[in-house]
Amino acid sequence: MSRILEIEHDHKPLYRVVRRGCTDPLDISHSKRRLGDYRWNRGEFGALYCCCSEWVARAVALDRLRLAGLDMTDLQTPARPQLVEISWSGRVVDVSSNEGVAAAGFPASYPEGVRKEQTRRAAAQWRATGAGGVVFRSAALRRRGFSHWSGAHQRWSETAIFLGNGESPPTLIRRRDDSAWLGSAT
């Protein structure tokens, strides 16, 4: 990795998909324990995974259900995922734009063809240099057939925030009790 491209990540809100009844939607402890599930953290540091749009959050929720062999109709309302809105801004490594992907040393097909260990190794280096996090192309969207990675990243990106590295910690704006963000999945 010769260079990286950093951008100011300041659009609000960010969206986070959590289990309904989650007591602390800003908790990252599970990202340290379930390393096989995540791309941008390691055992020594966690990351707060967020989506840059409701559309991406929906794809993430449906992807999690698909990986568990479930459909939204299998879940009673109290068991359906909940959307929370978060406020945060900071400098992040860009792995969403074509230029950012290339600067990070990943192939243009990212997220395809890149192993999680490669992204974890990069995240450790970037975190150590003070990056506030990573904005990246959503693998959940890619698994649903999306591959049009151009324009404003909000439409198709996720963000992993390295808590403690940003200018300010993320704050919870609100929990959404509606299911409108799930679209026709309900």
Protein backbone atom coordinates (compact mmCIF):
# COMPACT_ATOMS: atom_id res chain seq x y z
CA MET A 1 0.00 0.00 0.00
CA SER A 2 1.85 3.04 -1.22
CA ARG A 3 -0.75 5.72 -0.50
CA ILE A 4 -4.33 6.10 0.57
CA LEU A 5 -7.07 8.50 -0.28
CA GLU A 6 -8.80 10.09 2.70
CA ILE A 7 -12.04 12.04 2.57
CA GLU A 8 -14.06 14.02 5.07
CA HIS A 9 -17.07 11.90 5.97
CA ASP A 10 -19.69 14.33 7.18
CA HIS A 11 -23.12 13.40 5.82
CA LYS A 12 -25.72 12.68 8.45
CA PRO A 13 -27.26 10.55 9.56
CA LEU A 14 -25.44 7.27 9.32
CA TYR A 15 -27.64 4.21 9.72
CA ARG A 16 -26.95 1.12 11.77
CA VAL A 17 -28.91 -2.13 11.68
CA VAL A 18 -29.27 -3.65 15.14
CA ARG A 19 -31.27 -6.33 16.87
CA ARG A 20 -34.52 -4.92 18.20
CA GLY A 21 -34.02 -4.58 21.93
CA CYS A 22 -30.27 -3.95 21.61
CA THR A 23 -29.43 -1.96 24.75
CA ASP A 24 -26.46 -0.03 23.28
CA PRO A 25 -26.47 0.42 19.50
CA LEU A 26 -23.03 2.09 19.70
CA ASP A 27 -21.39 -0.94 21.34
CA ILE A 28 -18.58 -2.49 19.27
CA SER A 29 -17.58 -5.35 21.56
CA HIS A 30 -19.18 -7.98 19.30
CA SER A 31 -17.00 -6.85 16.37
CA LYS A 32 -13.93 -7.86 18.38
CA ARG A 33 -15.33 -11.32 19.12
CA ARG A 34 -16.91 -12.29 15.78
CA LEU A 35 -13.96 -11.68 13.50
CA GLY A 36 -15.16 -14.01 10.76
CA ASP A 37 -18.10 -11.70 10.08
CA TYR A 38 -16.33 -8.40 9.59
CA ARG A 39 -13.85 -6.85 7.17
CA TRP A 40 -12.49 -3.76 8.92
CA ASN A 41 -11.49 -4.74 12.46
CA ARG A 42 -9.27 -7.17 14.34
CA GLY A 43 -9.34 -8.69 17.79
CA GLU A 44 -7.33 -5.81 19.23
CA PHE A 45 -9.77 -3.18 17.99
CA GLY A 46 -13.41 -3.10 17.02
CA ALA A 47 -15.29 -0.96 14.57
CA LEU A 48 -18.76 0.54 14.54
CA TYR A 49 -20.31 -0.59 11.26
CA CYS A 50 -22.80 1.84 9.72
CA CYS A 51 -24.58 2.32 6.41
CA CYS A 52 -24.55 5.54 4.43
CA SER A 53 -28.20 5.25 3.35
CA GLU A 54 -31.41 3.46 4.26
CA TRP A 55 -31.15 1.54 1.00
CA VAL A 56 -27.78 0.08 2.06
CA ALA A 57 -29.15 -0.64 5.55
CA ARG A 58 -31.98 -2.62 3.98
CA ALA A 59 -29.50 -4.63 1.89
CA VAL A 60 -27.41 -5.34 5.00
CA ALA A 61 -30.47 -6.49 6.98
CA LEU A 62 -31.67 -8.75 4.16
CA ASP A 63 -28.15 -10.11 3.64
CA ARG A 64 -27.86 -11.07 7.32
CA LEU A 65 -31.18 -12.88 7.12
CA ARG A 66 -30.15 -14.65 3.91
CA LEU A 67 -26.90 -15.83 5.52
CA ALA A 68 -28.95 -17.21 8.42
CA GLY A 69 -31.32 -18.97 6.03
CA LEU A 70 -34.25 -16.74 6.98
CA ASP A 71 -36.67 -14.43 5.24
CA MET A 72 -38.25 -11.35 6.77
CA THR A 73 -41.62 -13.13 6.80
CA ASP A 74 -40.08 -15.77 9.11
CA LEU A 75 -39.70 -13.13 11.83
CA GLN A 76 -42.38 -11.81 14.08
CA THR A 77 -42.35 -8.02 14.40
CA PRO A 78 -40.45 -7.98 17.75
CA ALA A 79 -37.64 -10.02 16.15
CA ARG A 80 -37.22 -7.87 13.05
CA PRO A 81 -34.09 -5.73 12.76
CA GLN A 82 -34.24 -2.14 13.92
CA LEU A 83 -32.68 0.89 12.27
CA VAL A 84 -30.88 3.50 14.35
CA GLU A 85 -29.63 6.85 13.14
CA ILE A 86 -26.20 8.04 14.22
CA SER A 87 -24.38 11.35 14.00
CA TRP A 88 -20.64 11.23 13.32
CA SER A 89 -18.07 12.94 11.14
CA GLY A 90 -14.36 12.46 10.61
CA ARG A 91 -11.56 11.66 8.16
CA VAL A 92 -11.92 8.20 6.66
CA VAL A 93 -9.98 6.14 4.18
CA ASP A 94 -11.89 5.98 0.90
CA VAL A 95 -12.38 2.44 -0.38
CA SER A 96 -15.59 3.35 -2.17
CA SER A 97 -14.53 5.39 -5.21
CA ASN A 98 -12.48 3.89 -8.04
CA GLU A 99 -9.58 6.17 -7.07
CA GLY A 100 -9.82 5.19 -3.40
CA VAL A 101 -9.96 1.47 -4.17
CA ALA A 102 -6.87 1.78 -6.38
CA ALA A 103 -5.00 3.89 -3.81
CA ALA A 104 -5.74 1.27 -1.15
CA GLY A 105 -4.11 -1.34 -3.37
CA PHE A 106 -7.26 -3.37 -4.02
CA PRO A 107 -8.44 -4.54 -7.45
CA ALA A 108 -11.10 -2.51 -9.29
CA SER A 109 -13.55 -5.38 -8.65
CA TYR A 110 -13.50 -4.71 -4.88
CA PRO A 111 -15.27 -6.04 -2.83
CA GLU A 112 -15.02 -9.10 -5.09
CA GLY A 113 -11.65 -10.79 -5.08
CA VAL A 114 -10.50 -9.31 -1.75
CA ARG A 115 -10.24 -11.55 1.31
CA LYS A 116 -11.26 -10.27 4.71
CA GLU A 117 -7.73 -10.78 6.04
CA GLN A 118 -6.47 -8.28 3.44
CA THR A 119 -8.96 -5.62 4.56
CA ARG A 120 -8.28 -6.34 8.24
CA ARG A 121 -4.55 -5.90 7.71
CA ALA A 122 -5.14 -2.59 5.89
CA ALA A 123 -7.55 -1.41 8.61
CA ALA A 124 -4.94 -2.07 11.31
CA GLN A 125 -2.38 0.04 9.41
CA TRP A 126 -4.82 2.88 8.77
CA ARG A 127 -6.12 2.90 12.33
CA ALA A 128 -2.54 3.03 13.64
CA THR A 129 -1.92 6.17 11.57
CA GLY A 130 -5.00 7.88 13.05
CA ALA A 131 -7.68 7.35 10.40
CA GLY A 132 -11.19 7.79 11.82
CA GLY A 133 -12.47 4.84 9.83
CA VAL A 134 -13.10 3.47 6.36
CA VAL A 135 -15.88 4.20 3.87
CA PHE A 136 -16.26 1.21 1.56
CA ARG A 137 -18.41 -0.41 -1.10
CA SER A 138 -21.15 -2.52 0.41
CA ALA A 139 -20.52 -6.24 -0.03
CA ALA A 140 -24.17 -6.82 0.91
CA LEU A 141 -25.22 -4.78 -2.12
CA ARG A 142 -22.70 -6.61 -4.31
CA ARG A 143 -24.12 -9.96 -3.25
CA ARG A 144 -27.54 -8.64 -4.36
CA GLY A 145 -26.12 -7.89 -7.83
CA PHE A 146 -25.27 -4.19 -7.47
CA SER A 147 -22.05 -3.07 -9.19
CA HIS A 148 -22.56 0.58 -10.22
CA TRP A 149 -19.95 2.25 -7.94
CA SER A 150 -20.12 5.80 -9.24
CA GLY A 151 -21.55 9.09 -8.05
CA ALA A 152 -22.02 10.05 -4.42
CA HIS A 153 -20.95 7.19 -2.14
CA GLN A 154 -23.94 7.62 0.21
CA ARG A 155 -26.12 5.54 -2.09
CA TRP A 156 -23.99 2.38 -1.97
CA SER A 157 -21.42 2.57 0.82
CA GLU A 158 -20.93 1.51 4.38
CA THR A 159 -18.63 3.06 6.98
CA ALA A 160 -16.58 1.38 9.68
CA ILE A 161 -15.73 3.89 12.41
CA PHE A 162 -12.61 3.32 14.49
CA LEU A 163 -13.81 4.55 17.86
CA GLY A 164 -11.25 6.70 19.61
CA ASN A 165 -9.59 7.82 16.37
CA GLY A 166 -12.17 10.36 15.22
CA GLU A 167 -12.49 13.96 16.25
CA SER A 168 -15.65 13.16 18.21
CA PRO A 169 -17.41 9.96 19.17
CA PRO A 170 -20.58 8.93 17.35
CA THR A 171 -23.87 9.81 19.02
CA LEU A 172 -27.24 8.18 18.78
CA ILE A 173 -29.82 10.41 17.11
CA ARG A 174 -32.80 8.09 17.35
CA ARG A 175 -34.10 4.56 17.11
CA ARG A 176 -36.57 3.92 14.34
CA ASP A 177 -39.52 1.76 15.33
CA ASP A 178 -41.07 1.83 11.88
CA SER A 179 -40.47 -0.82 9.24
CA ALA A 180 -40.68 1.57 6.29
CA TRP A 181 -36.91 1.35 5.76
CA LEU A 182 -37.30 -2.36 5.05
CA GLY A 183 -39.43 -1.51 2.02
CA SER A 184 -41.30 -4.38 0.43
CA ALA A 185 -39.28 -6.88 2.50
CA THR A 186 -41.96 -6.73 5.17
